[in-house]
N, C-alpha and C. Protein backbone atom coordinates (compact mmCIF):
# COMPACT_ATOMS: atom_id res chain seq x y z
N MET A 1 99.32 299.79 233.07
CA MET A 1 97.95 299.29 233.07
C MET A 1 97.76 298.57 231.47
N THR A 2 97.21 297.16 231.64
CA THR A 2 97.08 296.46 230.49
C THR A 2 95.27 296.56 230.17
N ALA A 3 95.03 296.83 228.99
CA ALA A 3 93.50 297.31 228.65
C ALA A 3 93.00 295.72 229.10
N GLN A 4 91.92 295.89 229.41
CA GLN A 4 91.06 294.25 229.99
C GLN A 4 89.47 294.45 229.07
N LEU A 5 89.49 293.28 228.09
CA LEU A 5 88.46 293.06 227.40
C LEU A 5 87.22 292.64 228.13
N ILE A 6 85.91 293.53 227.93
CA ILE A 6 85.17 293.02 229.03
C ILE A 6 84.26 292.50 228.16
N ASP A 7 83.07 291.67 228.48
CA ASP A 7 82.00 291.17 227.82
C ASP A 7 80.94 291.94 228.15
N GLY A 8 80.40 293.01 227.09
CA GLY A 8 79.41 293.89 227.19
C GLY A 8 78.10 293.06 227.53
N LYS A 9 77.71 292.11 226.62
CA LYS A 9 76.33 291.38 226.53
C LYS A 9 76.07 290.66 228.21
N MET A 10 77.27 290.15 228.63
CA MET A 10 77.10 289.51 230.12
C MET A 10 76.81 290.56 231.05
N ILE A 11 77.77 291.62 230.75
CA ILE A 11 77.44 292.91 231.85
C ILE A 11 76.14 293.27 232.06
N ALA A 12 75.65 293.62 230.61
CA ALA A 12 74.26 294.04 230.27
C ALA A 12 73.38 293.16 231.15
N GLN A 13 73.31 292.04 230.53
CA GLN A 13 72.38 290.80 231.16
C GLN A 13 72.27 291.03 232.90
N LYS A 14 73.62 291.02 233.31
CA LYS A 14 73.85 291.00 234.59
C LYS A 14 73.03 292.47 235.61
N VAL A 15 73.25 293.28 234.80
CA VAL A 15 72.62 294.39 235.04
C VAL A 15 71.08 294.60 234.82
N ARG A 16 70.67 294.14 233.74
CA ARG A 16 69.40 293.85 233.65
C ARG A 16 68.67 293.04 234.77
N GLU A 17 69.25 292.04 235.10
CA GLU A 17 68.59 291.01 235.89
C GLU A 17 68.57 291.95 237.49
N GLY A 18 69.65 292.81 237.64
CA GLY A 18 69.58 293.21 239.07
C GLY A 18 69.00 294.50 239.21
N VAL A 19 68.23 295.18 238.18
CA VAL A 19 67.37 296.03 238.04
C VAL A 19 66.17 295.56 238.22
N ALA A 20 65.89 294.57 237.40
CA ALA A 20 64.84 293.97 237.39
C ALA A 20 64.53 293.06 239.07
N ALA A 21 65.36 292.96 239.62
CA ALA A 21 65.42 292.23 241.00
C ALA A 21 64.77 293.31 241.78
N GLU A 22 65.63 294.78 241.78
CA GLU A 22 65.27 295.91 242.74
C GLU A 22 64.06 296.56 242.54
N VAL A 23 63.47 296.48 241.09
CA VAL A 23 61.94 296.99 240.69
C VAL A 23 61.08 295.79 241.55
N SER A 24 61.42 294.64 241.22
CA SER A 24 60.51 293.77 242.03
C SER A 24 60.68 293.88 243.54
N LYS A 25 61.61 294.23 243.99
CA LYS A 25 61.71 294.54 245.90
C LYS A 25 60.88 295.67 245.81
N ARG A 26 61.10 296.29 245.31
CA ARG A 26 60.05 297.77 245.62
C ARG A 26 58.80 297.61 245.50
N ALA A 27 58.30 296.65 244.34
CA ALA A 27 56.97 296.50 244.32
C ALA A 27 56.64 295.58 245.70
N ALA A 28 57.13 294.58 246.03
CA ALA A 28 56.75 293.71 247.17
C ALA A 28 57.13 294.47 248.51
N ALA A 29 57.65 295.80 248.42
CA ALA A 29 57.51 296.50 249.68
C ALA A 29 56.50 297.39 249.72
N GLY A 30 55.68 297.44 248.52
CA GLY A 30 54.62 298.49 248.18
C GLY A 30 54.87 299.86 247.91
N LYS A 31 56.33 299.99 247.50
CA LYS A 31 56.76 301.17 246.85
C LYS A 31 56.40 301.41 245.36
N PRO A 32 56.45 302.66 244.94
CA PRO A 32 55.77 303.07 243.61
C PRO A 32 56.60 302.36 242.63
N GLN A 33 56.11 301.69 241.68
CA GLN A 33 56.77 301.27 240.29
C GLN A 33 57.42 302.60 239.85
N PRO A 34 58.84 302.31 239.63
CA PRO A 34 59.75 303.55 238.85
C PRO A 34 59.13 303.41 237.32
N ALA A 35 59.12 304.70 236.85
CA ALA A 35 58.59 304.92 235.49
C ALA A 35 59.13 305.99 234.65
N LEU A 36 59.69 305.75 233.54
CA LEU A 36 60.08 306.72 232.70
C LEU A 36 59.28 307.20 231.43
N ALA A 37 59.44 308.71 231.52
CA ALA A 37 58.61 309.32 230.46
C ALA A 37 59.82 309.92 229.63
N THR A 38 59.22 309.28 228.21
CA THR A 38 60.00 309.84 227.17
C THR A 38 59.09 310.94 226.18
N VAL A 39 60.01 311.90 225.71
CA VAL A 39 59.44 312.95 225.20
C VAL A 39 60.01 313.14 223.86
N LEU A 40 59.54 312.92 222.94
CA LEU A 40 60.16 312.58 221.24
C LEU A 40 59.28 314.02 220.70
N VAL A 41 59.82 314.82 219.63
CA VAL A 41 59.42 315.95 219.20
C VAL A 41 59.64 315.63 217.86
N GLY A 42 58.86 315.39 217.11
CA GLY A 42 59.07 315.15 215.29
C GLY A 42 58.88 313.77 215.18
N ASP A 43 59.43 313.49 213.78
CA ASP A 43 59.21 311.89 213.17
C ASP A 43 60.44 311.68 212.72
N ARG A 44 61.53 311.67 213.53
CA ARG A 44 62.89 311.08 213.02
C ARG A 44 62.89 309.76 213.06
N PRO A 45 62.72 308.61 212.29
CA PRO A 45 62.76 307.47 212.51
C PRO A 45 63.72 306.70 213.42
N ASP A 46 65.16 307.12 213.50
CA ASP A 46 66.02 306.79 214.48
C ASP A 46 65.70 307.11 215.89
N SER A 47 65.12 308.26 215.85
CA SER A 47 64.78 308.91 217.64
C SER A 47 63.67 308.19 217.86
N ALA A 48 62.24 307.71 216.89
CA ALA A 48 61.58 307.11 217.40
C ALA A 48 61.72 305.53 217.51
N ALA A 49 62.42 305.01 216.84
CA ALA A 49 62.94 303.43 217.48
C ALA A 49 63.82 303.68 218.58
N TYR A 50 64.62 304.73 218.80
CA TYR A 50 65.40 304.80 220.12
C TYR A 50 64.39 304.63 221.05
N VAL A 51 63.48 305.64 221.20
CA VAL A 51 62.29 305.85 222.21
C VAL A 51 61.36 304.69 222.60
N ALA A 52 61.20 303.85 221.50
CA ALA A 52 60.58 302.71 221.48
C ALA A 52 61.38 301.68 222.04
N SER A 53 62.59 301.76 221.79
CA SER A 53 63.35 300.65 222.86
C SER A 53 63.49 300.82 224.46
N LYS A 54 63.48 301.83 224.87
CA LYS A 54 63.42 302.44 226.32
C LYS A 54 62.17 302.11 226.83
N GLY A 55 60.96 302.06 226.02
CA GLY A 55 59.78 301.75 226.50
C GLY A 55 59.76 300.14 226.55
N LYS A 56 60.14 299.41 225.48
CA LYS A 56 60.35 297.86 226.00
C LYS A 56 61.23 297.51 226.65
N ALA A 57 62.36 298.18 227.04
CA ALA A 57 63.25 297.72 228.06
C ALA A 57 62.63 298.20 229.37
N CYS A 58 61.97 299.22 229.75
CA CYS A 58 60.91 299.28 230.73
C CYS A 58 59.99 298.33 231.23
N GLN A 59 59.54 297.84 229.95
CA GLN A 59 58.61 296.96 230.27
C GLN A 59 58.92 295.45 230.77
N GLU A 60 60.13 295.08 230.35
CA GLU A 60 60.85 293.85 230.34
C GLU A 60 61.54 294.07 231.95
N LEU A 61 61.43 295.19 232.41
CA LEU A 61 62.36 295.35 233.70
C LEU A 61 61.08 295.54 234.66
N GLY A 62 60.24 295.27 234.33
CA GLY A 62 58.68 295.46 235.11
C GLY A 62 58.69 297.28 235.82
N MET A 63 59.14 297.93 234.98
CA MET A 63 59.11 299.65 235.19
C MET A 63 57.80 299.88 234.40
N GLY A 64 57.35 301.05 234.61
CA GLY A 64 56.35 301.85 233.77
C GLY A 64 56.91 302.59 233.03
N SER A 65 56.10 303.15 232.09
CA SER A 65 56.73 304.01 230.81
C SER A 65 55.75 304.60 230.42
N ILE A 66 56.13 305.92 229.75
CA ILE A 66 54.86 306.64 229.16
C ILE A 66 55.48 307.58 227.90
N SER A 67 55.08 307.31 226.95
CA SER A 67 55.63 307.83 225.54
C SER A 67 54.87 309.28 225.37
N GLU A 68 55.56 310.49 225.26
CA GLU A 68 54.88 311.63 224.95
C GLU A 68 55.32 312.01 223.41
N HIS A 69 54.63 312.45 222.45
CA HIS A 69 55.04 312.89 221.00
C HIS A 69 54.43 313.81 220.64
N LEU A 70 55.51 314.90 220.49
CA LEU A 70 54.70 316.35 219.88
C LEU A 70 55.35 316.51 218.46
N PRO A 71 54.55 317.38 217.65
CA PRO A 71 54.59 317.50 216.45
C PRO A 71 56.06 318.10 216.30
N ALA A 72 56.91 318.07 215.20
CA ALA A 72 57.70 318.72 214.61
C ALA A 72 57.81 320.49 215.03
N ASP A 73 56.68 320.85 214.68
CA ASP A 73 56.33 322.25 214.61
C ASP A 73 55.94 322.65 215.90
N ALA A 74 56.36 321.75 217.11
CA ALA A 74 55.53 322.50 218.48
C ALA A 74 56.45 323.50 218.82
N THR A 75 55.91 324.10 219.67
CA THR A 75 56.56 325.45 220.07
C THR A 75 57.43 325.36 221.34
N GLN A 76 58.35 326.13 221.67
CA GLN A 76 58.98 326.17 222.87
C GLN A 76 58.44 325.99 223.81
N GLU A 77 57.46 326.70 224.03
CA GLU A 77 56.29 326.65 225.13
C GLU A 77 55.49 325.22 225.38
N GLN A 78 55.09 324.68 224.09
CA GLN A 78 54.47 323.48 224.35
C GLN A 78 55.45 322.45 224.99
N VAL A 79 56.68 322.46 224.16
CA VAL A 79 57.78 321.34 224.77
C VAL A 79 58.03 321.56 226.34
N GLU A 80 58.07 322.83 226.73
CA GLU A 80 58.54 323.59 227.98
C GLU A 80 57.46 322.84 229.16
N GLU A 81 56.03 323.03 228.56
CA GLU A 81 54.84 322.77 229.57
C GLU A 81 54.80 321.13 229.70
N LEU A 82 55.09 320.66 228.67
CA LEU A 82 55.06 318.89 228.58
C LEU A 82 56.50 318.72 229.90
N VAL A 83 57.28 319.41 229.46
CA VAL A 83 58.35 318.76 230.72
C VAL A 83 58.14 319.08 232.13
N LYS A 84 57.19 320.30 232.23
CA LYS A 84 56.82 320.71 233.50
C LYS A 84 55.97 319.66 233.83
N ARG A 85 54.99 319.07 233.28
CA ARG A 85 53.79 318.54 233.71
C ARG A 85 54.53 317.42 234.00
N LEU A 86 55.38 316.85 233.32
CA LEU A 86 56.10 315.69 233.65
C LEU A 86 56.96 315.53 234.73
N ASN A 87 57.58 316.86 235.08
CA ASN A 87 58.14 316.76 236.37
C ASN A 87 57.23 317.07 237.79
N ALA A 88 56.05 317.39 237.46
CA ALA A 88 54.91 317.71 238.53
C ALA A 88 54.51 316.28 238.81
N ASN A 89 54.72 315.24 237.89
CA ASN A 89 53.93 314.03 238.06
C ASN A 89 54.58 312.93 238.80
N PRO A 90 54.30 312.90 240.13
CA PRO A 90 54.75 312.00 241.10
C PRO A 90 54.96 310.45 240.71
N GLN A 91 54.24 310.05 239.60
CA GLN A 91 54.05 308.81 239.10
C GLN A 91 55.30 308.64 238.13
N ILE A 92 56.10 309.71 237.77
CA ILE A 92 57.03 309.75 236.65
C ILE A 92 58.41 309.94 237.45
N SER A 93 59.48 308.93 237.39
CA SER A 93 60.73 309.03 238.02
C SER A 93 61.88 309.28 237.20
N GLY A 94 61.50 309.27 235.84
CA GLY A 94 62.61 309.63 235.09
C GLY A 94 62.35 310.18 233.91
N ILE A 95 62.68 311.18 233.09
CA ILE A 95 62.31 312.05 231.95
C ILE A 95 63.46 311.86 230.78
N LEU A 96 63.24 311.42 229.84
CA LEU A 96 63.92 311.53 228.47
C LEU A 96 63.61 312.20 227.33
N VAL A 97 64.06 313.49 227.32
CA VAL A 97 63.99 313.98 226.03
C VAL A 97 64.89 313.66 224.92
N GLN A 98 64.28 313.36 223.93
CA GLN A 98 65.00 312.54 222.75
C GLN A 98 65.70 313.71 221.88
N LEU A 99 66.73 313.74 221.70
CA LEU A 99 67.66 314.86 220.84
C LEU A 99 68.14 313.95 219.49
N PRO A 100 68.35 314.72 218.85
CA PRO A 100 68.16 316.18 218.68
C PRO A 100 66.55 316.89 218.48
N LEU A 101 66.16 317.86 219.24
CA LEU A 101 64.99 318.37 218.99
C LEU A 101 65.25 319.32 217.53
N PRO A 102 63.82 319.47 217.23
CA PRO A 102 64.00 320.43 215.93
C PRO A 102 64.79 321.65 216.07
N ALA A 103 65.23 322.21 214.97
CA ALA A 103 66.05 323.33 214.90
C ALA A 103 65.79 324.50 215.91
N HIS A 104 64.23 324.78 215.61
CA HIS A 104 63.63 325.74 216.33
C HIS A 104 63.77 325.87 217.78
N LEU A 105 63.88 324.87 218.63
CA LEU A 105 63.90 324.81 219.77
C LEU A 105 65.14 324.91 220.56
N ASP A 106 65.24 325.39 221.54
CA ASP A 106 66.25 325.63 222.37
C ASP A 106 66.38 324.46 223.09
N GLU A 107 67.25 323.09 222.63
CA GLU A 107 67.69 322.16 223.45
C GLU A 107 67.90 322.33 225.01
N GLU A 108 68.84 323.40 225.47
CA GLU A 108 69.60 323.37 226.57
C GLU A 108 68.49 324.04 227.42
N ARG A 109 67.57 325.03 227.18
CA ARG A 109 66.37 325.56 227.84
C ARG A 109 65.58 324.23 228.33
N VAL A 110 65.42 323.52 227.32
CA VAL A 110 64.40 322.20 227.56
C VAL A 110 64.90 321.26 228.63
N LEU A 111 66.02 320.70 228.26
CA LEU A 111 66.76 319.68 229.57
C LEU A 111 67.09 320.62 230.53
N SER A 112 67.46 321.90 231.02
CA SER A 112 67.68 322.49 232.10
C SER A 112 66.32 322.73 232.98
N LEU A 113 65.02 322.25 232.23
CA LEU A 113 63.83 322.71 232.98
C LEU A 113 63.46 320.85 233.80
N ILE A 114 64.38 320.19 233.30
CA ILE A 114 63.91 318.76 234.00
C ILE A 114 64.57 319.02 235.19
N ASN A 115 63.74 318.34 236.39
CA ASN A 115 64.18 318.27 237.74
C ASN A 115 65.55 317.23 237.91
N ILE A 116 66.56 317.49 238.19
CA ILE A 116 67.77 316.59 238.31
C ILE A 116 67.40 315.35 238.84
N GLU A 117 66.40 314.98 239.91
CA GLU A 117 66.10 314.00 240.12
C GLU A 117 65.57 312.74 239.26
N LYS A 118 64.81 313.71 238.25
CA LYS A 118 64.23 312.63 237.16
C LYS A 118 65.09 312.79 235.50
N MET A 119 66.44 313.27 235.81
CA MET A 119 66.92 313.29 234.55
C MET A 119 67.58 312.32 234.06
N TRP A 120 67.37 312.04 232.76
CA TRP A 120 67.62 310.54 232.38
C TRP A 120 69.12 310.70 231.53
N THR A 121 69.52 312.07 230.94
CA THR A 121 70.34 311.76 230.56
C THR A 121 71.89 312.64 231.32
N VAL A 122 72.86 312.46 230.55
CA VAL A 122 74.16 313.28 231.30
C VAL A 122 74.03 314.89 230.87
N SER A 123 72.93 315.56 230.08
CA SER A 123 73.03 316.69 229.43
C SER A 123 72.82 317.89 230.82
N HIS A 124 72.32 317.50 231.82
CA HIS A 124 72.01 318.55 232.75
C HIS A 124 73.23 319.08 233.40
N PRO A 125 73.73 320.34 233.61
CA PRO A 125 74.91 321.00 233.84
C PRO A 125 75.00 320.35 235.31
N SER A 126 74.01 320.23 236.24
CA SER A 126 74.00 319.92 237.50
C SER A 126 74.54 318.97 237.89
N ILE A 127 74.10 317.66 236.74
CA ILE A 127 74.81 316.50 237.15
C ILE A 127 76.39 316.31 236.95
N LEU A 128 76.70 316.87 236.14
CA LEU A 128 77.83 317.03 235.73
C LEU A 128 78.99 317.72 236.63
N ALA A 129 78.42 318.78 237.26
CA ALA A 129 78.91 319.50 238.50
C ALA A 129 78.97 318.70 239.66
N ALA A 130 77.97 318.09 239.68
CA ALA A 130 77.91 317.25 241.07
C ALA A 130 78.66 316.22 241.12
N TRP A 131 79.08 315.52 240.05
CA TRP A 131 79.46 314.11 240.00
C TRP A 131 80.50 313.90 240.58
N PRO A 132 81.71 314.65 240.79
CA PRO A 132 83.06 314.52 241.56
C PRO A 132 83.04 314.62 243.06
N LYS A 133 81.85 315.27 243.45
CA LYS A 133 81.70 315.65 244.82
C LYS A 133 81.31 314.24 245.74
N LYS A 134 82.27 314.06 246.62
CA LYS A 134 81.82 312.91 247.31
C LYS A 134 80.47 312.98 248.31
N ASP A 135 80.39 314.08 248.59
CA ASP A 135 78.86 314.31 249.36
C ASP A 135 77.34 313.99 248.56
N ALA A 136 77.97 314.34 247.36
CA ALA A 136 76.60 314.15 246.26
C ALA A 136 75.81 312.90 246.62
N SER A 137 74.50 313.00 246.33
CA SER A 137 73.95 311.59 246.71
C SER A 137 73.46 310.82 245.43
N PRO A 138 73.84 309.87 245.49
CA PRO A 138 73.71 308.92 244.43
C PRO A 138 72.49 308.81 243.66
N SER A 139 71.59 309.17 244.50
CA SER A 139 70.10 309.29 243.72
C SER A 139 69.78 310.23 242.90
N SER A 140 70.95 311.03 243.04
CA SER A 140 70.76 312.49 242.01
C SER A 140 71.41 312.41 240.64
N PHE A 141 71.91 311.00 240.35
CA PHE A 141 72.53 310.90 239.28
C PHE A 141 71.90 310.20 238.34
N HIS A 142 72.05 310.50 237.08
CA HIS A 142 71.69 309.65 235.94
C HIS A 142 72.17 308.14 235.91
N VAL A 143 71.21 307.32 235.42
CA VAL A 143 71.85 305.87 235.76
C VAL A 143 72.84 305.77 234.86
N ARG A 144 73.19 306.30 233.89
CA ARG A 144 74.45 305.96 232.80
C ARG A 144 75.56 306.32 233.77
N LEU A 145 75.56 307.30 234.38
CA LEU A 145 76.51 307.96 235.41
C LEU A 145 76.82 306.54 236.47
N MET A 146 76.14 306.17 236.96
CA MET A 146 75.82 305.20 237.71
C MET A 146 76.50 303.64 237.03
N ALA A 147 76.18 303.71 235.91
CA ALA A 147 76.65 302.22 235.09
C ALA A 147 77.91 302.30 234.80
N ALA A 148 78.32 303.65 234.47
CA ALA A 148 79.88 303.81 234.14
C ALA A 148 80.56 303.67 235.30
N SER A 149 80.05 304.08 236.63
CA SER A 149 80.83 303.77 237.61
C SER A 149 81.08 302.39 238.20
N THR A 150 79.98 301.48 237.97
CA THR A 150 79.57 299.89 238.20
C THR A 150 80.77 299.55 237.22
N LEU A 151 80.46 299.61 236.08
CA LEU A 151 81.46 299.24 235.33
C LEU A 151 82.82 298.84 235.67
N SER A 152 83.37 300.65 236.18
CA SER A 152 84.70 300.73 236.30
C SER A 152 85.04 299.82 237.51
N ASN A 153 84.09 299.90 238.73
CA ASN A 153 84.27 299.11 239.99
C ASN A 153 84.39 297.41 239.86
N ARG A 154 83.50 297.31 239.04
CA ARG A 154 83.25 295.58 238.85
C ARG A 154 84.24 295.00 238.14
N TRP A 155 84.33 295.87 236.80
CA TRP A 155 85.02 295.06 235.79
C TRP A 155 86.14 295.50 235.21
N GLY A 156 86.65 296.75 235.30
CA GLY A 156 87.39 297.70 234.96
C GLY A 156 88.88 297.31 235.78
């Protein structure tokens, strides 16, 4: 099989347009607006820029976003409580905990607390374990996994 060069910018634009259209349809049908919650612990400039870009992307797509920022010296318990609160919030449909977390925090433990239906990254073991199963619900997968599948099926 010969490798195929794809136009990433064109594909990204088409995906953004499709997502924006779906968000608009949801709103027109009276369904809740999808919303992403980002969690930033500490003050790494690269992490702050990435999290800010997610908020901007949500706004451009007609989605809601909320940004939670904890200090670098936040305790494990503080981070876990924040994740639990976001899990319990029905207005939040996705949670992104920006990695890396400060060294004194247990990343795996924090990520494992995120409800799989709200997981934004592929770091949750349940997502990776469920991916190959034919009976797994697409709604339980992170958007990046679905994007990879879409890229492969549509342009691969």
